[in-house]
Amino acid sequence: MRIVYSPKYDLPAHYLGRRVHPFDLRKYSRAYRQLGAWLGPRLGELTVAPPREIGREELLWVHTEAYLEMLRTPAFLAAAVEVPLVAKLPAWLTDRMVLRPMRWGTMGTVVAAREAISTGVAVNLSGGYHHAKPAGAEGFCFYADIAIAVADLRREGLLAESDRIAYIDLDAHQGNGVSHCFMVDSRLFLFDAYNVGIYPAYDRAARERIDCDVPLAGGCGDDTYLGLLRDRLPGFLDSVARGERIGLAIYNAGTDIFAGDALGGLAVSAEGVLARDLFVVGQLRERGIATAMLLSGGYSDASYRLVAESVKSLVEAFD
């Protein structure tokens, strides 16, 4: 197992604080420090650092030129991160505060996908920008890291043309950007369980692209959530694998399903979050499927600790 991390994942815009957005901009380093307290020197042995931020050429595998130019406009960024103050900042500063850390996180997803193919399981302590589209940004997501990682593996021959990919999105929000990135790609199969009553409920085309659609009612707790997951996920994986090889699974493990989350609208306990992660990765490893896990969303003070607890338990179970 590998843990992919860089201190450059943190967004240095933390001085904007929780007053304007509930996302913990230092969640990544906090999770890594907590893992260090629990795992000690073992953490260093498991850690792989992305060598650089993702480059423009690689971004163009998925995104349009026009879109990448739009990212240079602070007003456009402000709308996507839902922080009006960003519109008043110069472009060079918004790039350094917001975009550059996400380019590092995107490269982290690429590295995690490669490490998953090599070792079996890899966790990127960032990434999961599942609302980013080829020509659009929304929901605090600018780069389609999942689609870029898949493109990288295919270009490098680490995934064969015939290999299938299982994408499992358990963030509280439906991964509409991933749906749009793979709208006509029949080799990627989507499982998405999400709060049907919150953003991006308006995106009907994205929902129609999902292969196994698991809409959840607001306030859904452990028993219902885990029951649906245990009932639906094994059958989904078996149906994807029928007669074909699953070359990779990408697991978008948002912690915004937690009961204390500011945006997710669900009511899963900390114990439920851990049980979810162990179940999903366990199902994938039972089937011998290489697994890359991404953090995705999480908007509570507990998010970093929920992540660390899951990663520690995965190390104990699968390394």
C-alpha atoms as a PDB file:
ATOM      1  CA  MET A   1       0.000   0.000   0.000  1.00  0.00           C
ATOM      2  CA  ARG A   2       1.110   3.555  -0.696  1.00  0.00           C
ATOM      3  CA  ILE A   3       0.088   6.959   0.654  1.00  0.00           C
ATOM      4  CA  VAL A   4       0.585   9.826  -1.783  1.00  0.00           C
ATOM      5  CA  TYR A   5       1.141  13.196  -0.144  1.00  0.00           C
ATOM      6  CA  SER A   6       2.830  16.559  -0.533  1.00  0.00           C
ATOM      7  CA  PRO A   7       2.797  19.538   1.876  1.00  0.00           C
ATOM      8  CA  LYS A   8       1.980  21.556  -1.239  1.00  0.00           C
ATOM      9  CA  TYR A   9      -1.555  20.129  -1.177  1.00  0.00           C
ATOM     10  CA  ASP A  10      -2.683  22.665   1.429  1.00  0.00           C
ATOM     11  CA  LEU A  11      -4.301  25.818   0.072  1.00  0.00           C
ATOM     12  CA  PRO A  12      -2.385  28.823   1.462  1.00  0.00           C
ATOM     13  CA  ALA A  13      -5.601  30.845   1.386  1.00  0.00           C
ATOM     14  CA  HIS A  14      -6.360  29.645   4.907  1.00  0.00           C
ATOM     15  CA  TYR A  15      -6.377  33.216   6.174  1.00  0.00           C
ATOM     16  CA  LEU A  16      -9.754  33.573   4.434  1.00  0.00           C
ATOM     17  CA  GLY A  17     -10.941  31.189   7.156  1.00  0.00           C
ATOM     18  CA  ARG A  18     -14.193  29.397   7.835  1.00  0.00           C
ATOM     19  CA  ARG A  19     -16.053  32.696   7.688  1.00  0.00           C
ATOM     20  CA  VAL A  20     -16.375  32.373   3.931  1.00  0.00           C
ATOM     21  CA  HIS A  21     -16.284  28.610   3.277  1.00  0.00           C
ATOM     22  CA  PRO A  22     -16.447  25.529   5.536  1.00  0.00           C
ATOM     23  CA  PHE A  23     -13.742  23.589   3.679  1.00  0.00           C
ATOM     24  CA  ASP A  24     -10.632  23.013   5.806  1.00  0.00           C
ATOM     25  CA  LEU A  25      -7.864  24.289   3.537  1.00  0.00           C
ATOM     26  CA  ARG A  26      -5.235  22.510   5.654  1.00  0.00           C
ATOM     27  CA  LYS A  27      -7.072  19.195   5.884  1.00  0.00           C
ATOM     28  CA  TYR A  28      -4.370  17.377   3.949  1.00  0.00           C
ATOM     29  CA  SER A  29      -1.440  18.233   6.212  1.00  0.00           C
ATOM     30  CA  ARG A  30      -3.560  17.704   9.315  1.00  0.00           C
ATOM     31  CA  ALA A  31      -4.493  14.209   8.164  1.00  0.00           C
ATOM     32  CA  TYR A  32      -0.856  13.434   7.374  1.00  0.00           C
ATOM     33  CA  ARG A  33       0.349  14.683  10.764  1.00  0.00           C
ATOM     34  CA  GLN A  34      -2.285  12.574  12.502  1.00  0.00           C
ATOM     35  CA  LEU A  35      -1.128   9.541  10.548  1.00  0.00           C
ATOM     36  CA  GLY A  36       2.426  10.307  11.633  1.00  0.00           C
ATOM     37  CA  ALA A  37       1.358  10.327  15.277  1.00  0.00           C
ATOM     38  CA  TRP A  38      -0.286   6.935  14.849  1.00  0.00           C
ATOM     39  CA  LEU A  39       2.060   5.168  12.410  1.00  0.00           C
ATOM     40  CA  GLY A  40       5.414   6.707  13.367  1.00  0.00           C
ATOM     41  CA  PRO A  41       8.361   5.909  11.042  1.00  0.00           C
ATOM     42  CA  ARG A  42       6.161   3.477   9.111  1.00  0.00           C
ATOM     43  CA  LEU A  43       4.424   6.418   7.488  1.00  0.00           C
ATOM     44  CA  GLY A  44       7.627   7.545   5.782  1.00  0.00           C
ATOM     45  CA  GLU A  45       8.117   4.068   4.329  1.00  0.00           C
ATOM     46  CA  LEU A  46       4.627   4.136   2.832  1.00  0.00           C
ATOM     47  CA  THR A  47       4.657   7.708   1.523  1.00  0.00           C
ATOM     48  CA  VAL A  48       5.220   8.601  -2.113  1.00  0.00           C
ATOM     49  CA  ALA A  49       5.447  12.286  -3.038  1.00  0.00           C
ATOM     50  CA  PRO A  50       4.252  13.578  -6.405  1.00  0.00           C
ATOM     51  CA  PRO A  51       7.370  14.809  -8.231  1.00  0.00           C
ATOM     52  CA  ARG A  52       5.768  18.018  -9.539  1.00  0.00           C
ATOM     53  CA  GLU A  53       2.454  19.692 -10.207  1.00  0.00           C
ATOM     54  CA  ILE A  54       0.457  18.548 -13.215  1.00  0.00           C
ATOM     55  CA  GLY A  55       1.489  20.283 -16.430  1.00  0.00           C
ATOM     56  CA  ARG A  56      -0.550  22.152 -18.996  1.00  0.00           C
ATOM     57  CA  GLU A  57       0.001  19.498 -21.669  1.00  0.00           C
ATOM     58  CA  GLU A  58      -1.419  16.864 -19.341  1.00  0.00           C
ATOM     59  CA  LEU A  59      -4.378  19.061 -18.425  1.00  0.00           C
ATOM     60  CA  LEU A  60      -5.165  19.361 -22.134  1.00  0.00           C
ATOM     61  CA  TRP A  61      -5.718  15.602 -22.319  1.00  0.00           C
ATOM     62  CA  VAL A  62      -9.110  16.371 -20.754  1.00  0.00           C
ATOM     63  CA  HIS A  63      -9.666  20.146 -20.581  1.00  0.00           C
ATOM     64  CA  THR A  64     -10.075  22.644 -23.402  1.00  0.00           C
ATOM     65  CA  GLU A  65      -7.657  25.494 -24.089  1.00  0.00           C
ATOM     66  CA  ALA A  66     -10.463  27.996 -23.643  1.00  0.00           C
ATOM     67  CA  TYR A  67     -11.289  26.615 -20.210  1.00  0.00           C
ATOM     68  CA  LEU A  68      -7.700  26.762 -18.997  1.00  0.00           C
ATOM     69  CA  GLU A  69      -7.604  30.407 -20.063  1.00  0.00           C
ATOM     70  CA  MET A  70     -10.806  31.070 -18.102  1.00  0.00           C
ATOM     71  CA  LEU A  71      -9.056  29.841 -14.978  1.00  0.00           C
ATOM     72  CA  ARG A  72      -6.851  32.918 -15.207  1.00  0.00           C
ATOM     73  CA  THR A  73      -9.888  35.091 -14.447  1.00  0.00           C
ATOM     74  CA  PRO A  74     -10.367  35.697 -10.695  1.00  0.00           C
ATOM     75  CA  ALA A  75     -14.109  36.297 -11.084  1.00  0.00           C
ATOM     76  CA  PHE A  76     -14.507  32.873 -12.671  1.00  0.00           C
ATOM     77  CA  LEU A  77     -12.559  31.255  -9.838  1.00  0.00           C
ATOM     78  CA  ALA A  78     -14.604  33.115  -7.238  1.00  0.00           C
ATOM     79  CA  ALA A  79     -17.827  31.632  -8.578  1.00  0.00           C
ATOM     80  CA  ALA A  80     -16.419  28.101  -8.594  1.00  0.00           C
ATOM     81  CA  VAL A  81     -15.070  28.266  -5.023  1.00  0.00           C
ATOM     82  CA  GLU A  82     -18.111  30.216  -3.803  1.00  0.00           C
ATOM     83  CA  VAL A  83     -15.858  32.852  -2.192  1.00  0.00           C
ATOM     84  CA  PRO A  84     -16.624  36.339  -3.607  1.00  0.00           C
ATOM     85  CA  LEU A  85     -13.435  37.805  -2.115  1.00  0.00           C
ATOM     86  CA  VAL A  86     -11.377  35.795  -4.631  1.00  0.00           C
ATOM     87  CA  ALA A  87     -12.724  37.982  -7.473  1.00  0.00           C
ATOM     88  CA  LYS A  88     -10.863  40.962  -5.993  1.00  0.00           C
ATOM     89  CA  LEU A  89      -7.451  39.274  -6.050  1.00  0.00           C
ATOM     90  CA  PRO A  90      -4.895  39.431  -8.886  1.00  0.00           C
ATOM     91  CA  ALA A  91      -4.630  36.394 -11.157  1.00  0.00           C
ATOM     92  CA  TRP A  92      -1.104  35.486 -10.008  1.00  0.00           C
ATOM     93  CA  LEU A  93      -2.307  35.318  -6.412  1.00  0.00           C
ATOM     94  CA  THR A  94      -5.389  33.217  -7.149  1.00  0.00           C
ATOM     95  CA  ASP A  95      -3.163  30.826  -9.068  1.00  0.00           C
ATOM     96  CA  ARG A  96      -0.796  30.466  -6.116  1.00  0.00           C
ATOM     97  CA  MET A  97      -3.527  30.265  -3.454  1.00  0.00           C
ATOM     98  CA  VAL A  98      -6.074  28.073  -5.215  1.00  0.00           C
ATOM     99  CA  LEU A  99      -4.997  26.520  -8.501  1.00  0.00           C
ATOM    100  CA  ARG A 100      -1.405  25.472  -7.834  1.00  0.00           C
ATOM    101  CA  PRO A 101      -2.265  23.316  -4.796  1.00  0.00           C
ATOM    102  CA  MET A 102      -4.934  21.599  -6.883  1.00  0.00           C
ATOM    103  CA  ARG A 103      -2.448  20.959  -9.677  1.00  0.00           C
ATOM    104  CA  TRP A 104      -0.276  19.219  -7.075  1.00  0.00           C
ATOM    105  CA  GLY A 105      -3.322  17.282  -5.906  1.00  0.00           C
ATOM    106  CA  THR A 106      -4.095  16.295  -9.498  1.00  0.00           C
ATOM    107  CA  MET A 107      -0.587  14.954  -9.973  1.00  0.00           C
ATOM    108  CA  GLY A 108      -1.075  13.116  -6.687  1.00  0.00           C
ATOM    109  CA  THR A 109      -4.065  11.325  -8.201  1.00  0.00           C
ATOM    110  CA  VAL A 110      -1.989  10.370 -11.241  1.00  0.00           C
ATOM    111  CA  VAL A 111       0.725   8.989  -8.955  1.00  0.00           C
ATOM    112  CA  ALA A 112      -1.829   7.153  -6.801  1.00  0.00           C
ATOM    113  CA  ALA A 113      -3.333   5.491  -9.872  1.00  0.00           C
ATOM    114  CA  ARG A 114       0.104   4.336 -11.006  1.00  0.00           C
ATOM    115  CA  GLU A 115       0.966   3.116  -7.501  1.00  0.00           C
ATOM    116  CA  ALA A 116      -2.334   1.248  -7.280  1.00  0.00           C
ATOM    117  CA  ILE A 117      -1.482  -0.651 -10.456  1.00  0.00           C
ATOM    118  CA  SER A 118       1.935  -1.458  -8.988  1.00  0.00           C
ATOM    119  CA  THR A 119       1.131  -2.245  -5.346  1.00  0.00           C
ATOM    120  CA  GLY A 120      -2.607  -2.943  -5.127  1.00  0.00           C
ATOM    121  CA  VAL A 121      -3.829  -0.002  -3.014  1.00  0.00           C
ATOM    122  CA  ALA A 122      -2.836   3.662  -2.988  1.00  0.00           C
ATOM    123  CA  VAL A 123      -4.445   6.631  -1.252  1.00  0.00           C
ATOM    124  CA  ASN A 124      -3.967  10.189  -2.434  1.00  0.00           C
ATOM    125  CA  LEU A 125      -4.420  12.544   0.519  1.00  0.00           C
ATOM    126  CA  SER A 126      -5.989  15.050  -1.872  1.00  0.00           C
ATOM    127  CA  GLY A 127      -7.823  14.860  -5.185  1.00  0.00           C
ATOM    128  CA  GLY A 128     -11.273  13.628  -5.986  1.00  0.00           C
ATOM    129  CA  TYR A 129     -12.264  16.830  -7.802  1.00  0.00           C
ATOM    130  CA  HIS A 130     -15.392  15.160  -9.108  1.00  0.00           C
ATOM    131  CA  HIS A 131     -17.334  18.272 -10.186  1.00  0.00           C
ATOM    132  CA  ALA A 132     -14.726  19.491 -12.703  1.00  0.00           C
ATOM    133  CA  LYS A 133     -15.796  19.130 -16.327  1.00  0.00           C
ATOM    134  CA  PRO A 134     -13.741  19.329 -19.534  1.00  0.00           C
ATOM    135  CA  ALA A 135     -14.844  22.923 -20.053  1.00  0.00           C
ATOM    136  CA  GLY A 136     -16.163  23.960 -16.664  1.00  0.00           C
ATOM    137  CA  ALA A 137     -15.410  24.357 -12.957  1.00  0.00           C
ATOM    138  CA  GLU A 138     -17.799  24.211 -10.055  1.00  0.00           C
ATOM    139  CA  GLY A 139     -18.095  22.980  -6.493  1.00  0.00           C
ATOM    140  CA  PHE A 140     -14.492  23.816  -5.498  1.00  0.00           C
ATOM    141  CA  CYS A 141     -13.220  21.603  -8.343  1.00  0.00           C
ATOM    142  CA  PHE A 142     -11.053  22.916 -11.175  1.00  0.00           C
ATOM    143  CA  TYR A 143      -9.114  19.998 -12.605  1.00  0.00           C
ATOM    144  CA  ALA A 144     -10.644  16.677 -13.617  1.00  0.00           C
ATOM    145  CA  ASP A 145      -7.980  14.651 -11.821  1.00  0.00           C
ATOM    146  CA  ILE A 146      -9.814  11.338 -12.204  1.00  0.00           C
ATOM    147  CA  ALA A 147     -10.121  11.634 -15.978  1.00  0.00           C
ATOM    148  CA  ILE A 148      -6.523  12.876 -16.265  1.00  0.00           C
ATOM    149  CA  ALA A 149      -5.233   9.890 -14.267  1.00  0.00           C
ATOM    150  CA  VAL A 150      -7.156   7.479 -16.490  1.00  0.00           C
ATOM    151  CA  ALA A 151      -5.771   9.188 -19.605  1.00  0.00           C
ATOM    152  CA  ASP A 152      -2.245   8.898 -18.188  1.00  0.00           C
ATOM    153  CA  LEU A 153      -2.564   5.171 -17.497  1.00  0.00           C
ATOM    154  CA  ARG A 154      -3.933   4.522 -20.973  1.00  0.00           C
ATOM    155  CA  ARG A 155      -1.241   6.580 -22.670  1.00  0.00           C
ATOM    156  CA  GLU A 156       1.476   4.776 -20.684  1.00  0.00           C
ATOM    157  CA  GLY A 157       0.032   1.354 -21.478  1.00  0.00           C
ATOM    158  CA  LEU A 158      -0.650   0.617 -17.802  1.00  0.00           C
ATOM    159  CA  LEU A 159      -4.286   0.127 -18.724  1.00  0.00           C
ATOM    160  CA  ALA A 160      -5.024  -1.851 -21.883  1.00  0.00           C
ATOM    161  CA  GLU A 161      -7.587  -0.562 -24.340  1.00  0.00           C
ATOM    162  CA  SER A 162      -9.937  -3.345 -23.295  1.00  0.00           C
ATOM    163  CA  ASP A 163      -9.507  -2.845 -19.540  1.00  0.00           C
ATOM    164  CA  ARG A 164     -12.561  -1.733 -17.634  1.00  0.00           C
ATOM    165  CA  ILE A 165     -12.503   0.836 -14.831  1.00  0.00           C
ATOM    166  CA  ALA A 166     -14.824   0.823 -11.835  1.00  0.00           C
ATOM    167  CA  TYR A 167     -15.464   4.297 -10.448  1.00  0.00           C
ATOM    168  CA  ILE A 168     -17.088   4.356  -7.000  1.00  0.00           C
ATOM    169  CA  ASP A 169     -18.196   7.765  -5.748  1.00  0.00           C
ATOM    170  CA  LEU A 170     -19.337   7.897  -2.122  1.00  0.00           C
ATOM    171  CA  ASP A 171     -18.989  11.625  -1.590  1.00  0.00           C
ATOM    172  CA  ALA A 172     -22.285  13.091  -0.374  1.00  0.00           C
ATOM    173  CA  HIS A 173     -22.546  15.062  -3.643  1.00  0.00           C
ATOM    174  CA  GLN A 174     -23.110  13.372  -6.984  1.00  0.00           C
ATOM    175  CA  GLY A 175     -19.934  13.387  -9.092  1.00  0.00           C
ATOM    176  CA  ASN A 176     -21.389  15.196 -12.069  1.00  0.00           C
ATOM    177  CA  GLY A 177     -18.028  16.243 -13.497  1.00  0.00           C
ATOM    178  CA  VAL A 178     -16.858  12.640 -13.750  1.00  0.00           C
ATOM    179  CA  SER A 179     -20.106  11.749 -15.499  1.00  0.00           C
ATOM    180  CA  HIS A 180     -19.461  14.447 -18.100  1.00  0.00           C
ATOM    181  CA  CYS A 181     -15.803  13.517 -18.577  1.00  0.00           C
ATOM    182  CA  PHE A 182     -16.758   9.919 -19.354  1.00  0.00           C
ATOM    183  CA  MET A 183     -20.094  10.569 -21.020  1.00  0.00           C
ATOM    184  CA  VAL A 184     -19.197   8.512 -24.107  1.00  0.00           C
ATOM    185  CA  ASP A 185     -16.561   6.215 -22.581  1.00  0.00           C
ATOM    186  CA  SER A 186     -18.044   2.734 -22.322  1.00  0.00           C
ATOM    187  CA  ARG A 187     -14.989   1.344 -20.512  1.00  0.00           C
ATOM    188  CA  LEU A 188     -15.620   3.262 -17.279  1.00  0.00           C
ATOM    189  CA  PHE A 189     -18.512   2.179 -15.062  1.00  0.00           C
ATOM    190  CA  LEU A 190     -19.944   4.540 -12.448  1.00  0.00           C
ATOM    191  CA  PHE A 191     -21.360   3.683  -9.035  1.00  0.00           C
ATOM    192  CA  ASP A 192     -22.612   6.785  -7.251  1.00  0.00           C
ATOM    193  CA  ALA A 193     -24.399   7.003  -3.880  1.00  0.00           C
ATOM    194  CA  TYR A 194     -25.264  10.582  -2.922  1.00  0.00           C
ATOM    195  CA  ASN A 195     -27.754  12.883  -1.221  1.00  0.00           C
ATOM    196  CA  VAL A 196     -30.339  13.432  -3.932  1.00  0.00           C
ATOM    197  CA  GLY A 197     -31.614  16.653  -2.363  1.00  0.00           C
ATOM    198  CA  ILE A 198     -28.428  18.740  -2.574  1.00  0.00           C
ATOM    199  CA  TYR A 199     -26.108  20.126  -5.247  1.00  0.00           C
ATOM    200  CA  PRO A 200     -25.829  19.238  -8.116  1.00  0.00           C
ATOM    201  CA  ALA A 201     -29.409  17.991  -8.253  1.00  0.00           C
ATOM    202  CA  TYR A 202     -30.092  20.006 -11.416  1.00  0.00           C
ATOM    203  CA  ASP A 203     -27.648  18.000 -13.578  1.00  0.00           C
ATOM    204  CA  ARG A 204     -29.934  15.379 -15.100  1.00  0.00           C
ATOM    205  CA  ALA A 205     -27.489  14.386 -17.850  1.00  0.00           C
ATOM    206  CA  ALA A 206     -24.896  13.499 -15.209  1.00  0.00           C
ATOM    207  CA  ARG A 207     -27.343  11.297 -13.325  1.00  0.00           C
ATOM    208  CA  GLU A 208     -28.356   9.502 -16.498  1.00  0.00           C
ATOM    209  CA  ARG A 209     -24.717   8.540 -17.118  1.00  0.00           C
ATOM    210  CA  ILE A 210     -24.452   6.632 -13.813  1.00  0.00           C
ATOM    211  CA  ASP A 211     -24.442   2.860 -14.232  1.00  0.00           C
ATOM    212  CA  CYS A 212     -25.475   2.089 -10.637  1.00  0.00           C
ATOM    213  CA  ASP A 213     -27.420   5.042  -9.264  1.00  0.00           C
ATOM    214  CA  VAL A 214     -27.998   5.034  -5.484  1.00  0.00           C
ATOM    215  CA  PRO A 215     -29.855   8.226  -4.477  1.00  0.00           C
ATOM    216  CA  LEU A 216     -30.056   8.808  -0.729  1.00  0.00           C
ATOM    217  CA  ALA A 217     -32.565  10.793   1.288  1.00  0.00           C
ATOM    218  CA  GLY A 218     -31.291  13.637   3.435  1.00  0.00           C
ATOM    219  CA  GLY A 219     -30.535  12.570   6.994  1.00  0.00           C
ATOM    220  CA  CYS A 220     -29.665   9.010   5.948  1.00  0.00           C
ATOM    221  CA  GLY A 221     -27.789   7.294   8.812  1.00  0.00           C
ATOM    222  CA  ASP A 222     -25.544   4.284   9.337  1.00  0.00           C
ATOM    223  CA  ASP A 223     -28.063   1.467   9.025  1.00  0.00           C
ATOM    224  CA  THR A 224     -29.646   2.644   5.791  1.00  0.00           C
ATOM    225  CA  TYR A 225     -26.415   3.908   4.259  1.00  0.00           C
ATOM    226  CA  LEU A 226     -24.310   0.847   4.970  1.00  0.00           C
ATOM    227  CA  GLY A 227     -27.197  -1.477   4.178  1.00  0.00           C
ATOM    228  CA  LEU A 228     -27.614   0.000   0.698  1.00  0.00           C
ATOM    229  CA  LEU A 229     -23.877  -0.074   0.098  1.00  0.00           C
ATOM    230  CA  ARG A 230     -23.550  -3.712   1.127  1.00  0.00           C
ATOM    231  CA  ASP A 231     -26.568  -4.614  -0.994  1.00  0.00           C
ATOM    232  CA  ARG A 232     -25.604  -2.768  -4.174  1.00  0.00           C
ATOM    233  CA  LEU A 233     -21.805  -2.565  -4.485  1.00  0.00           C
ATOM    234  CA  PRO A 234     -20.887  -6.289  -4.732  1.00  0.00           C
ATOM    235  CA  GLY A 235     -23.397  -6.845  -7.530  1.00  0.00           C
ATOM    236  CA  PHE A 236     -22.136  -3.775  -9.369  1.00  0.00           C
ATOM    237  CA  LEU A 237     -18.526  -4.987  -9.226  1.00  0.00           C
ATOM    238  CA  ASP A 238     -19.489  -8.486 -10.344  1.00  0.00           C
ATOM    239  CA  SER A 239     -21.498  -7.135 -13.263  1.00  0.00           C
ATOM    240  CA  VAL A 240     -18.622  -4.921 -14.415  1.00  0.00           C
ATOM    241  CA  ALA A 241     -16.171  -7.813 -14.202  1.00  0.00           C
ATOM    242  CA  ARG A 242     -18.349 -10.302 -16.045  1.00  0.00           C
ATOM    243  CA  GLY A 243     -16.156 -11.649 -18.828  1.00  0.00           C
ATOM    244  CA  GLU A 244     -13.784  -8.672 -18.739  1.00  0.00           C
ATOM    245  CA  ARG A 245     -10.833  -7.476 -16.660  1.00  0.00           C
ATOM    246  CA  ILE A 246     -11.240  -4.527 -14.309  1.00  0.00           C
ATOM    247  CA  GLY A 247      -7.845  -2.859 -14.600  1.00  0.00           C
ATOM    248  CA  LEU A 248      -8.441  -0.233 -11.925  1.00  0.00           C
ATOM    249  CA  ALA A 249     -10.959   0.975  -9.372  1.00  0.00           C
ATOM    250  CA  ILE A 250     -11.060   4.627  -8.338  1.00  0.00           C
ATOM    251  CA  TYR A 251     -12.766   5.206  -5.012  1.00  0.00           C
ATOM    252  CA  ASN A 252     -13.872   8.759  -4.250  1.00  0.00           C
ATOM    253  CA  ALA A 253     -14.172   8.604  -0.455  1.00  0.00           C
ATOM    254  CA  GLY A 254     -15.705  11.910   0.605  1.00  0.00           C
ATOM    255  CA  THR A 255     -16.111  12.364   4.352  1.00  0.00           C
ATOM    256  CA  ASP A 256     -18.995  14.779   3.881  1.00  0.00           C
ATOM    257  CA  ILE A 257     -21.395  11.914   4.618  1.00  0.00           C
ATOM    258  CA  PHE A 258     -20.478  12.495   8.290  1.00  0.00           C
ATOM    259  CA  ALA A 259     -23.308  13.648  10.546  1.00  0.00           C
ATOM    260  CA  GLY A 260     -21.445  16.820  11.543  1.00  0.00           C
ATOM    261  CA  ASP A 261     -20.697  17.956   7.998  1.00  0.00           C
ATOM    262  CA  ALA A 262     -21.775  21.464   6.997  1.00  0.00           C
ATOM    263  CA  LEU A 263     -22.807  20.592   3.426  1.00  0.00           C
ATOM    264  CA  GLY A 264     -23.455  16.862   3.016  1.00  0.00           C
ATOM    265  CA  GLY A 265     -26.867  16.618   4.651  1.00  0.00           C
ATOM    266  CA  LEU A 266     -26.405  12.981   5.705  1.00  0.00           C
ATOM    267  CA  ALA A 267     -26.054  11.501   9.194  1.00  0.00           C
ATOM    268  CA  VAL A 268     -23.395   8.779   9.064  1.00  0.00           C
ATOM    269  CA  SER A 269     -21.333   8.376  12.239  1.00  0.00           C
ATOM    270  CA  ALA A 270     -17.531   8.322  12.431  1.00  0.00           C
ATOM    271  CA  GLU A 271     -17.758   4.559  12.921  1.00  0.00           C
ATOM    272  CA  GLY A 272     -19.962   4.372   9.838  1.00  0.00           C
ATOM    273  CA  VAL A 273     -17.442   6.293   7.715  1.00  0.00           C
ATOM    274  CA  LEU A 274     -14.703   3.863   8.749  1.00  0.00           C
ATOM    275  CA  ALA A 275     -16.927   0.835   8.112  1.00  0.00           C
ATOM    276  CA  ARG A 276     -17.737   2.199   4.660  1.00  0.00           C
ATOM    277  CA  ASP A 277     -14.099   2.616   3.675  1.00  0.00           C
ATOM    278  CA  LEU A 278     -13.042  -0.790   4.944  1.00  0.00           C
ATOM    279  CA  PHE A 279     -15.976  -2.442   3.172  1.00  0.00           C
ATOM    280  CA  VAL A 280     -15.335  -0.774  -0.186  1.00  0.00           C
ATOM    281  CA  VAL A 281     -11.595  -1.418  -0.261  1.00  0.00           C
ATOM    282  CA  GLY A 282     -12.163  -4.922   1.106  1.00  0.00           C
ATOM    283  CA  GLN A 283     -14.580  -5.744  -1.725  1.00  0.00           C
ATOM    284  CA  LEU A 284     -12.108  -4.493  -4.299  1.00  0.00           C
ATOM    285  CA  ARG A 285      -9.145  -6.353  -2.825  1.00  0.00           C
ATOM    286  CA  GLU A 286     -11.155  -9.602  -2.575  1.00  0.00           C
ATOM    287  CA  ARG A 287     -11.541  -9.364  -6.328  1.00  0.00           C
ATOM    288  CA  GLY A 288      -7.888  -8.469  -6.923  1.00  0.00           C
ATOM    289  CA  ILE A 289      -8.752  -5.037  -8.319  1.00  0.00           C
ATOM    290  CA  ALA A 290      -6.070  -2.337  -8.090  1.00  0.00           C
ATOM    291  CA  THR A 291      -7.545   0.502  -6.028  1.00  0.00           C
ATOM    292  CA  ALA A 292      -6.803   4.227  -5.930  1.00  0.00           C
ATOM    293  CA  MET A 293      -8.622   6.071  -3.132  1.00  0.00           C
ATOM    294  CA  LEU A 294      -9.120   9.852  -3.162  1.00  0.00           C
ATOM    295  CA  LEU A 295     -10.258  12.197  -0.379  1.00  0.00           C
ATOM    296  CA  SER A 296     -12.864  14.312  -2.197  1.00  0.00           C
ATOM    297  CA  GLY A 297     -15.158  16.479  -0.025  1.00  0.00           C
ATOM    298  CA  GLY A 298     -15.398  16.936   3.718  1.00  0.00           C
ATOM    299  CA  TYR A 299     -16.610  20.096   5.453  1.00  0.00           C
ATOM    300  CA  SER A 300     -16.303  19.543   9.183  1.00  0.00           C
ATOM    301  CA  ASP A 301     -13.635  19.946  11.825  1.00  0.00           C
ATOM    302  CA  ALA A 302     -13.563  16.150  12.073  1.00  0.00           C
ATOM    303  CA  SER A 303     -12.836  15.531   8.376  1.00  0.00           C
ATOM    304  CA  TYR A 304      -9.060  15.249   8.634  1.00  0.00           C
ATOM    305  CA  ARG A 305      -9.312  12.816  11.538  1.00  0.00           C
ATOM    306  CA  LEU A 306     -11.921  10.676   9.748  1.00  0.00           C
ATOM    307  CA  VAL A 307      -9.529  10.430   6.806  1.00  0.00           C
ATOM    308  CA  ALA A 308      -6.578   9.540   9.015  1.00  0.00           C
ATOM    309  CA  GLU A 309      -8.556   6.882  10.873  1.00  0.00           C
ATOM    310  CA  SER A 310      -9.583   5.222   7.622  1.00  0.00           C
ATOM    311  CA  VAL A 311      -6.092   5.308   6.129  1.00  0.00           C
ATOM    312  CA  LYS A 312      -4.541   3.933   9.329  1.00  0.00           C
ATOM    313  CA  SER A 313      -7.051   1.087   9.355  1.00  0.00           C
ATOM    314  CA  LEU A 314      -6.418   0.352   5.684  1.00  0.00           C
ATOM    315  CA  VAL A 315      -2.687   0.175   6.343  1.00  0.00           C
ATOM    316  CA  GLU A 316      -3.334  -2.283   9.165  1.00  0.00           C
ATOM    317  CA  ALA A 317      -5.680  -4.370   7.010  1.00  0.00           C
ATOM    318  CA  PHE A 318      -4.014  -4.385   3.607  1.00  0.00           C
ATOM    319  CA  ASP A 319      -0.309  -3.523   3.867  1.00  0.00           C
END
